[in-house]
Amino acid sequence: LWLPKAHVEAPTSASIILAGLLLKLGTAGFLRILGSLNFTFNNIWVIISFLGIIIGSFACVFQRDSKSLAAYSSITHIGFLLLALVFFTISGKSRGLLLMLAHGYTSTLIFYLIGEFYHSTNTRIIYFFNSFFSSNVFFSIIFAVVFLSNIGVPPSASFISEFIVVSNSVLVGSILFFIVFIYFVVAFYYSLYFIACSFVGKNFIQVELFSSGLTYFICLMIYNVFWLSLF
């Protein structure tokens, strides 16, 4: 509840630190207390994670502020991470850590790119995210690659981690797979809608990328983590 408000009110640098570091510290704290938790009522943790996944993904559909959409998308990934950690498998724990690493890369880049667009145009409304492709080809391609990585398109690091989590959920119960399938459909819809809004348009926007070289290398790093996950 507080995360979208904090992201919308915070500057770009604070959003990057919050998405890339502070949420990961929360996951590290959850891993530290995982052994002392009472798993007699493990279904409660599964219900909480599914509520975060489904409600967060449907909240993304109705957002008009792009930074708020990225914040709710971050909430859905954290719910997915909680679902991975509550399974009693070593693969669930390891894929949860990999999902945390992939989310740290992708969410940081999303907030960085949205912040660069905001500094150039003074708006974050999704409707005005048009004419990326005619203004800055590299910027639009990187934007599309980062958002496709956010929804777990192979060969990104999110794909292999989410695939293992979905496989574990199928082993637990078929209803879990159905709920995760709803999340993937909704997440694919709003991500593809955002990418389509970014690519369609005839206006020209002067987008300045002072650290664009660093951005390209980080995007390559997102997909190179995938090969580390195979080992």
C-alpha atoms as a PDB file:
ATOM      1  CA  LEU A   1       0.000   0.000   0.000  1.00  0.00           C
ATOM      2  CA  TRP A   2       2.820   2.425   0.776  1.00  0.00           C
ATOM      3  CA  LEU A   3       5.154   1.417  -2.067  1.00  0.00           C
ATOM      4  CA  PRO A   4       3.335   3.102  -5.024  1.00  0.00           C
ATOM      5  CA  LYS A   5       2.889   6.287  -3.005  1.00  0.00           C
ATOM      6  CA  ALA A   6       6.566   6.311  -2.094  1.00  0.00           C
ATOM      7  CA  HIS A   7       7.648   5.709  -5.702  1.00  0.00           C
ATOM      8  CA  VAL A   8       5.369   8.396  -7.156  1.00  0.00           C
ATOM      9  CA  GLU A   9       6.459  11.037  -4.644  1.00  0.00           C
ATOM     10  CA  ALA A  10      10.164  10.144  -4.706  1.00  0.00           C
ATOM     11  CA  PRO A  11      12.689  11.386  -7.290  1.00  0.00           C
ATOM     12  CA  THR A  12      14.212   9.022  -9.817  1.00  0.00           C
ATOM     13  CA  SER A  13      17.363   8.299  -7.807  1.00  0.00           C
ATOM     14  CA  ALA A  14      15.334   7.451  -4.687  1.00  0.00           C
ATOM     15  CA  SER A  15      13.078   5.148  -6.711  1.00  0.00           C
ATOM     16  CA  ILE A  16      16.117   3.348  -8.107  1.00  0.00           C
ATOM     17  CA  ILE A  17      17.574   2.834  -4.619  1.00  0.00           C
ATOM     18  CA  LEU A  18      14.194   1.737  -3.246  1.00  0.00           C
ATOM     19  CA  ALA A  19      13.547  -0.770  -6.035  1.00  0.00           C
ATOM     20  CA  GLY A  20      17.078  -2.082  -6.406  1.00  0.00           C
ATOM     21  CA  LEU A  21      18.254  -2.222  -2.799  1.00  0.00           C
ATOM     22  CA  LEU A  22      15.679  -1.672  -0.055  1.00  0.00           C
ATOM     23  CA  LEU A  23      13.175  -4.283  -1.259  1.00  0.00           C
ATOM     24  CA  LYS A  24      16.031  -6.779  -1.515  1.00  0.00           C
ATOM     25  CA  LEU A  25      16.963  -6.073   2.102  1.00  0.00           C
ATOM     26  CA  GLY A  26      13.381  -6.970   3.031  1.00  0.00           C
ATOM     27  CA  THR A  27      13.769 -10.288   1.209  1.00  0.00           C
ATOM     28  CA  ALA A  28      17.058 -10.899   3.006  1.00  0.00           C
ATOM     29  CA  GLY A  29      15.275 -10.286   6.316  1.00  0.00           C
ATOM     30  CA  PHE A  30      12.533 -12.729   5.335  1.00  0.00           C
ATOM     31  CA  LEU A  31      15.175 -15.352   4.561  1.00  0.00           C
ATOM     32  CA  ARG A  32      16.822 -14.767   7.950  1.00  0.00           C
ATOM     33  CA  ILE A  33      13.598 -15.396   9.882  1.00  0.00           C
ATOM     34  CA  LEU A  34      12.387 -18.184   7.589  1.00  0.00           C
ATOM     35  CA  GLY A  35      13.629 -20.891   9.940  1.00  0.00           C
ATOM     36  CA  SER A  36      11.812 -19.482  12.953  1.00  0.00           C
ATOM     37  CA  LEU A  37       8.433 -19.068  11.237  1.00  0.00           C
ATOM     38  CA  ASN A  38       5.578 -21.402  12.051  1.00  0.00           C
ATOM     39  CA  PHE A  39       4.682 -23.225   8.836  1.00  0.00           C
ATOM     40  CA  THR A  40       1.712 -25.019  10.363  1.00  0.00           C
ATOM     41  CA  PHE A  41      -0.429 -22.362   8.681  1.00  0.00           C
ATOM     42  CA  ASN A  42       1.600 -22.197   5.481  1.00  0.00           C
ATOM     43  CA  ASN A  43      -1.561 -21.619   3.431  1.00  0.00           C
ATOM     44  CA  ILE A  44      -1.819 -18.123   4.929  1.00  0.00           C
ATOM     45  CA  TRP A  45       1.491 -17.129   3.324  1.00  0.00           C
ATOM     46  CA  VAL A  46       0.368 -18.573  -0.014  1.00  0.00           C
ATOM     47  CA  ILE A  47      -2.923 -16.625   0.159  1.00  0.00           C
ATOM     48  CA  ILE A  48      -1.067 -13.395   0.996  1.00  0.00           C
ATOM     49  CA  SER A  49       1.290 -13.868  -1.944  1.00  0.00           C
ATOM     50  CA  PHE A  50      -1.569 -14.599  -4.349  1.00  0.00           C
ATOM     51  CA  LEU A  51      -3.491 -11.551  -3.132  1.00  0.00           C
ATOM     52  CA  GLY A  52      -0.438  -9.420  -3.835  1.00  0.00           C
ATOM     53  CA  ILE A  53       0.026 -10.978  -7.273  1.00  0.00           C
ATOM     54  CA  ILE A  54      -3.586 -10.768  -8.510  1.00  0.00           C
ATOM     55  CA  ILE A  55      -4.600  -7.432  -6.955  1.00  0.00           C
ATOM     56  CA  GLY A  56      -1.298  -5.821  -7.936  1.00  0.00           C
ATOM     57  CA  SER A  57      -1.528  -7.015 -11.551  1.00  0.00           C
ATOM     58  CA  PHE A  58      -5.115  -5.809 -11.936  1.00  0.00           C
ATOM     59  CA  ALA A  59      -4.155  -2.481 -10.330  1.00  0.00           C
ATOM     60  CA  CYS A  60      -1.502  -2.073 -13.058  1.00  0.00           C
ATOM     61  CA  VAL A  61      -4.181  -2.222 -15.760  1.00  0.00           C
ATOM     62  CA  PHE A  62      -6.024   0.836 -14.398  1.00  0.00           C
ATOM     63  CA  GLN A  63      -2.986   3.073 -13.879  1.00  0.00           C
ATOM     64  CA  ARG A  64      -2.372   6.144 -15.973  1.00  0.00           C
ATOM     65  CA  ASP A  65       0.839   7.188 -14.230  1.00  0.00           C
ATOM     66  CA  SER A  66       3.721   5.137 -15.621  1.00  0.00           C
ATOM     67  CA  LYS A  67       5.713   5.290 -12.377  1.00  0.00           C
ATOM     68  CA  SER A  68       2.717   4.032 -10.419  1.00  0.00           C
ATOM     69  CA  LEU A  69       2.358   1.191 -12.934  1.00  0.00           C
ATOM     70  CA  ALA A  70       6.010   0.253 -12.444  1.00  0.00           C
ATOM     71  CA  ALA A  71       5.518   0.343  -8.656  1.00  0.00           C
ATOM     72  CA  TYR A  72       2.509  -2.005  -8.770  1.00  0.00           C
ATOM     73  CA  SER A  73       4.428  -4.253 -11.151  1.00  0.00           C
ATOM     74  CA  SER A  74       7.190  -4.378  -8.542  1.00  0.00           C
ATOM     75  CA  ILE A  75       4.588  -5.408  -5.945  1.00  0.00           C
ATOM     76  CA  THR A  76       3.465  -8.323  -8.119  1.00  0.00           C
ATOM     77  CA  HIS A  77       7.042  -9.539  -8.458  1.00  0.00           C
ATOM     78  CA  ILE A  78       7.570  -9.344  -4.700  1.00  0.00           C
ATOM     79  CA  GLY A  79       4.389 -11.419  -4.242  1.00  0.00           C
ATOM     80  CA  PHE A  80       5.802 -13.918  -6.711  1.00  0.00           C
ATOM     81  CA  LEU A  81       9.024 -13.945  -4.711  1.00  0.00           C
ATOM     82  CA  LEU A  82       7.113 -14.674  -1.496  1.00  0.00           C
ATOM     83  CA  LEU A  83       5.333 -17.536  -3.282  1.00  0.00           C
ATOM     84  CA  ALA A  84       8.700 -18.976  -4.283  1.00  0.00           C
ATOM     85  CA  LEU A  85      10.092 -18.775  -0.750  1.00  0.00           C
ATOM     86  CA  VAL A  86       7.186 -20.500   1.023  1.00  0.00           C
ATOM     87  CA  PHE A  87       7.549 -23.698  -1.032  1.00  0.00           C
ATOM     88  CA  PHE A  88       9.426 -26.491   0.740  1.00  0.00           C
ATOM     89  CA  THR A  89      11.907 -27.051  -2.089  1.00  0.00           C
ATOM     90  CA  ILE A  90      15.503 -26.074  -2.649  1.00  0.00           C
ATOM     91  CA  SER A  91      14.638 -25.072  -6.224  1.00  0.00           C
ATOM     92  CA  GLY A  92      11.978 -22.665  -4.929  1.00  0.00           C
ATOM     93  CA  LYS A  93      14.489 -20.986  -2.609  1.00  0.00           C
ATOM     94  CA  SER A  94      17.190 -20.697  -5.291  1.00  0.00           C
ATOM     95  CA  ARG A  95      14.764 -19.456  -7.952  1.00  0.00           C
ATOM     96  CA  GLY A  96      13.426 -16.949  -5.434  1.00  0.00           C
ATOM     97  CA  LEU A  97      16.921 -15.543  -5.034  1.00  0.00           C
ATOM     98  CA  LEU A  98      17.362 -15.437  -8.815  1.00  0.00           C
ATOM     99  CA  LEU A  99      13.997 -13.700  -9.173  1.00  0.00           C
ATOM    100  CA  MET A 100      15.131 -11.153  -6.588  1.00  0.00           C
ATOM    101  CA  LEU A 101      18.270 -10.493  -8.631  1.00  0.00           C
ATOM    102  CA  ALA A 102      16.337 -10.192 -11.903  1.00  0.00           C
ATOM    103  CA  HIS A 103      13.762  -7.886 -10.314  1.00  0.00           C
ATOM    104  CA  GLY A 104      16.574  -5.703  -8.989  1.00  0.00           C
ATOM    105  CA  TYR A 105      17.881  -5.211 -12.520  1.00  0.00           C
ATOM    106  CA  THR A 106      14.590  -4.768 -14.349  1.00  0.00           C
ATOM    107  CA  SER A 107      12.728  -2.542 -11.889  1.00  0.00           C
ATOM    108  CA  THR A 108      15.761  -0.274 -11.512  1.00  0.00           C
ATOM    109  CA  LEU A 109      15.994   0.137 -15.275  1.00  0.00           C
ATOM    110  CA  ILE A 110      12.257   0.769 -15.609  1.00  0.00           C
ATOM    111  CA  PHE A 111      12.346   3.580 -13.063  1.00  0.00           C
ATOM    112  CA  TYR A 112      15.479   4.985 -14.669  1.00  0.00           C
ATOM    113  CA  LEU A 113      13.946   5.067 -18.167  1.00  0.00           C
ATOM    114  CA  ILE A 114      10.663   6.546 -16.908  1.00  0.00           C
ATOM    115  CA  GLY A 115      12.649   9.155 -14.995  1.00  0.00           C
ATOM    116  CA  GLU A 116      14.639  10.080 -18.122  1.00  0.00           C
ATOM    117  CA  PHE A 117      11.407  10.512 -20.048  1.00  0.00           C
ATOM    118  CA  TYR A 118       9.960  12.621 -17.231  1.00  0.00           C
ATOM    119  CA  HIS A 119      13.015  14.894 -17.146  1.00  0.00           C
ATOM    120  CA  SER A 120      12.689  15.423 -20.907  1.00  0.00           C
ATOM    121  CA  THR A 121       8.915  15.967 -21.158  1.00  0.00           C
ATOM    122  CA  ASN A 122       7.752  16.806 -17.585  1.00  0.00           C
ATOM    123  CA  THR A 123       5.034  14.140 -17.724  1.00  0.00           C
ATOM    124  CA  ARG A 124       4.652  10.515 -16.678  1.00  0.00           C
ATOM    125  CA  ILE A 125       1.204   9.833 -18.159  1.00  0.00           C
ATOM    126  CA  ILE A 126       1.158   6.666 -20.277  1.00  0.00           C
ATOM    127  CA  TYR A 127      -0.897   8.376 -22.990  1.00  0.00           C
ATOM    128  CA  PHE A 128       1.972  10.813 -23.654  1.00  0.00           C
ATOM    129  CA  PHE A 129       4.539   8.054 -23.972  1.00  0.00           C
ATOM    130  CA  ASN A 130       4.121   8.122 -27.733  1.00  0.00           C
ATOM    131  CA  SER A 131       6.704   8.913 -30.398  1.00  0.00           C
ATOM    132  CA  PHE A 132       9.545   7.113 -28.647  1.00  0.00           C
ATOM    133  CA  PHE A 133      10.480   5.285 -31.797  1.00  0.00           C
ATOM    134  CA  SER A 134      10.633   8.423 -33.927  1.00  0.00           C
ATOM    135  CA  SER A 135      12.519  10.395 -31.277  1.00  0.00           C
ATOM    136  CA  ASN A 136      15.155   7.994 -29.993  1.00  0.00           C
ATOM    137  CA  VAL A 137      15.394   4.537 -31.519  1.00  0.00           C
ATOM    138  CA  PHE A 138      17.856   3.141 -28.976  1.00  0.00           C
ATOM    139  CA  PHE A 139      15.820   4.484 -26.083  1.00  0.00           C
ATOM    140  CA  SER A 140      12.626   2.893 -27.376  1.00  0.00           C
ATOM    141  CA  ILE A 141      14.282  -0.455 -28.082  1.00  0.00           C
ATOM    142  CA  ILE A 142      15.864  -0.553 -24.614  1.00  0.00           C
ATOM    143  CA  PHE A 143      12.488   0.385 -23.127  1.00  0.00           C
ATOM    144  CA  ALA A 144      10.788  -2.494 -24.942  1.00  0.00           C
ATOM    145  CA  VAL A 145      13.534  -4.972 -23.974  1.00  0.00           C
ATOM    146  CA  VAL A 146      13.341  -3.997 -20.302  1.00  0.00           C
ATOM    147  CA  PHE A 147       9.549  -4.317 -20.175  1.00  0.00           C
ATOM    148  CA  LEU A 148       9.651  -7.664 -21.981  1.00  0.00           C
ATOM    149  CA  SER A 149      12.179  -8.807 -19.404  1.00  0.00           C
ATOM    150  CA  ASN A 150       9.800  -7.576 -16.701  1.00  0.00           C
ATOM    151  CA  ILE A 151       7.108 -10.029 -17.821  1.00  0.00           C
ATOM    152  CA  GLY A 152       9.553 -12.948 -18.070  1.00  0.00           C
ATOM    153  CA  VAL A 153      10.200 -13.289 -21.795  1.00  0.00           C
ATOM    154  CA  PRO A 154      13.069 -15.703 -22.522  1.00  0.00           C
ATOM    155  CA  PRO A 155      16.031 -15.590 -22.368  1.00  0.00           C
ATOM    156  CA  SER A 156      15.792 -13.139 -19.480  1.00  0.00           C
ATOM    157  CA  ALA A 157      16.633 -14.073 -15.916  1.00  0.00           C
ATOM    158  CA  SER A 158      12.999 -13.648 -14.870  1.00  0.00           C
ATOM    159  CA  PHE A 159      11.917 -16.397 -17.253  1.00  0.00           C
ATOM    160  CA  ILE A 160      13.821 -19.317 -15.761  1.00  0.00           C
ATOM    161  CA  SER A 161      13.012 -18.295 -12.171  1.00  0.00           C
ATOM    162  CA  GLU A 162       9.293 -17.813 -12.839  1.00  0.00           C
ATOM    163  CA  PHE A 163       9.214 -21.052 -14.815  1.00  0.00           C
ATOM    164  CA  ILE A 164      10.563 -23.037 -11.861  1.00  0.00           C
ATOM    165  CA  VAL A 165       8.139 -21.323  -9.473  1.00  0.00           C
ATOM    166  CA  VAL A 166       5.206 -22.157 -11.765  1.00  0.00           C
ATOM    167  CA  SER A 167       6.421 -25.765 -11.967  1.00  0.00           C
ATOM    168  CA  ASN A 168       6.494 -25.965  -8.168  1.00  0.00           C
ATOM    169  CA  SER A 169       2.993 -24.504  -7.972  1.00  0.00           C
ATOM    170  CA  VAL A 170       1.733 -27.181 -10.385  1.00  0.00           C
ATOM    171  CA  LEU A 171       3.174 -29.846  -8.084  1.00  0.00           C
ATOM    172  CA  VAL A 172       1.395 -28.311  -5.089  1.00  0.00           C
ATOM    173  CA  GLY A 173      -2.039 -27.906  -6.702  1.00  0.00           C
ATOM    174  CA  SER A 174      -3.769 -27.167  -9.984  1.00  0.00           C
ATOM    175  CA  ILE A 175      -5.668 -24.173  -8.569  1.00  0.00           C
ATOM    176  CA  LEU A 176      -2.326 -22.463  -7.890  1.00  0.00           C
ATOM    177  CA  PHE A 177      -1.374 -22.869 -11.532  1.00  0.00           C
ATOM    178  CA  PHE A 178      -4.687 -21.331 -12.610  1.00  0.00           C
ATOM    179  CA  ILE A 179      -4.143 -18.264 -10.423  1.00  0.00           C
ATOM    180  CA  VAL A 180      -0.583 -17.823 -11.715  1.00  0.00           C
ATOM    181  CA  PHE A 181      -1.888 -18.174 -15.277  1.00  0.00           C
ATOM    182  CA  ILE A 182      -4.318 -15.271 -14.656  1.00  0.00           C
ATOM    183  CA  TYR A 183      -1.396 -13.179 -13.415  1.00  0.00           C
ATOM    184  CA  PHE A 184       0.659 -13.885 -16.548  1.00  0.00           C
ATOM    185  CA  VAL A 185      -2.239 -12.964 -18.858  1.00  0.00           C
ATOM    186  CA  VAL A 186      -2.866  -9.662 -17.076  1.00  0.00           C
ATOM    187  CA  ALA A 187       0.850  -8.834 -16.826  1.00  0.00           C
ATOM    188  CA  PHE A 188       1.346  -9.521 -20.527  1.00  0.00           C
ATOM    189  CA  TYR A 189      -1.608  -7.261 -21.331  1.00  0.00           C
ATOM    190  CA  TYR A 190      -0.486  -4.148 -19.470  1.00  0.00           C
ATOM    191  CA  SER A 191       3.177  -4.545 -20.474  1.00  0.00           C
ATOM    192  CA  LEU A 192       2.286  -4.939 -24.141  1.00  0.00           C
ATOM    193  CA  TYR A 193      -0.100  -1.982 -23.897  1.00  0.00           C
ATOM    194  CA  PHE A 194       2.642   0.186 -22.424  1.00  0.00           C
ATOM    195  CA  ILE A 195       5.095  -0.858 -25.152  1.00  0.00           C
ATOM    196  CA  ALA A 196       2.488  -0.165 -27.861  1.00  0.00           C
ATOM    197  CA  CYS A 197       1.786   3.287 -26.411  1.00  0.00           C
ATOM    198  CA  SER A 198       5.504   3.999 -26.444  1.00  0.00           C
ATOM    199  CA  PHE A 199       6.049   2.991 -30.051  1.00  0.00           C
ATOM    200  CA  VAL A 200       3.003   4.599 -31.671  1.00  0.00           C
ATOM    201  CA  GLY A 201       3.102   8.358 -32.299  1.00  0.00           C
ATOM    202  CA  LYS A 202       4.254  11.063 -34.688  1.00  0.00           C
ATOM    203  CA  ASN A 203       5.547  13.764 -32.340  1.00  0.00           C
ATOM    204  CA  PHE A 204       9.242  14.360 -31.828  1.00  0.00           C
ATOM    205  CA  ILE A 205      10.616  14.516 -28.286  1.00  0.00           C
ATOM    206  CA  GLN A 206      14.166  15.565 -27.512  1.00  0.00           C
ATOM    207  CA  VAL A 207      15.233  12.778 -25.155  1.00  0.00           C
ATOM    208  CA  GLU A 208      18.643  13.283 -23.573  1.00  0.00           C
ATOM    209  CA  LEU A 209      20.432  10.202 -22.263  1.00  0.00           C
ATOM    210  CA  PHE A 210      23.620  11.207 -20.480  1.00  0.00           C
ATOM    211  CA  SER A 211      24.409   7.709 -19.209  1.00  0.00           C
ATOM    212  CA  SER A 212      22.979   5.705 -22.097  1.00  0.00           C
ATOM    213  CA  GLY A 213      26.127   3.605 -22.481  1.00  0.00           C
ATOM    214  CA  LEU A 214      25.755   2.297 -18.932  1.00  0.00           C
ATOM    215  CA  THR A 215      22.096   1.523 -19.623  1.00  0.00           C
ATOM    216  CA  TYR A 216      22.924  -0.661 -22.623  1.00  0.00           C
ATOM    217  CA  PHE A 217      25.429  -2.724 -20.653  1.00  0.00           C
ATOM    218  CA  ILE A 218      22.955  -3.207 -17.793  1.00  0.00           C
ATOM    219  CA  CYS A 219      20.330  -4.434 -20.284  1.00  0.00           C
ATOM    220  CA  LEU A 220      22.803  -6.976 -21.610  1.00  0.00           C
ATOM    221  CA  MET A 221      23.513  -7.995 -18.022  1.00  0.00           C
ATOM    222  CA  ILE A 222      19.801  -8.756 -17.482  1.00  0.00           C
ATOM    223  CA  TYR A 223      19.904 -11.402 -20.165  1.00  0.00           C
ATOM    224  CA  ASN A 224      23.359 -12.715 -19.299  1.00  0.00           C
ATOM    225  CA  VAL A 225      22.166 -13.635 -15.802  1.00  0.00           C
ATOM    226  CA  PHE A 226      19.998 -16.232 -17.551  1.00  0.00           C
ATOM    227  CA  TRP A 227      23.045 -18.296 -18.483  1.00  0.00           C
ATOM    228  CA  LEU A 228      24.285 -18.207 -14.902  1.00  0.00           C
ATOM    229  CA  SER A 229      20.925 -19.599 -13.799  1.00  0.00           C
ATOM    230  CA  LEU A 230      21.377 -22.686 -15.973  1.00  0.00           C
ATOM    231  CA  PHE A 231      24.260 -23.817 -13.763  1.00  0.00           C
END
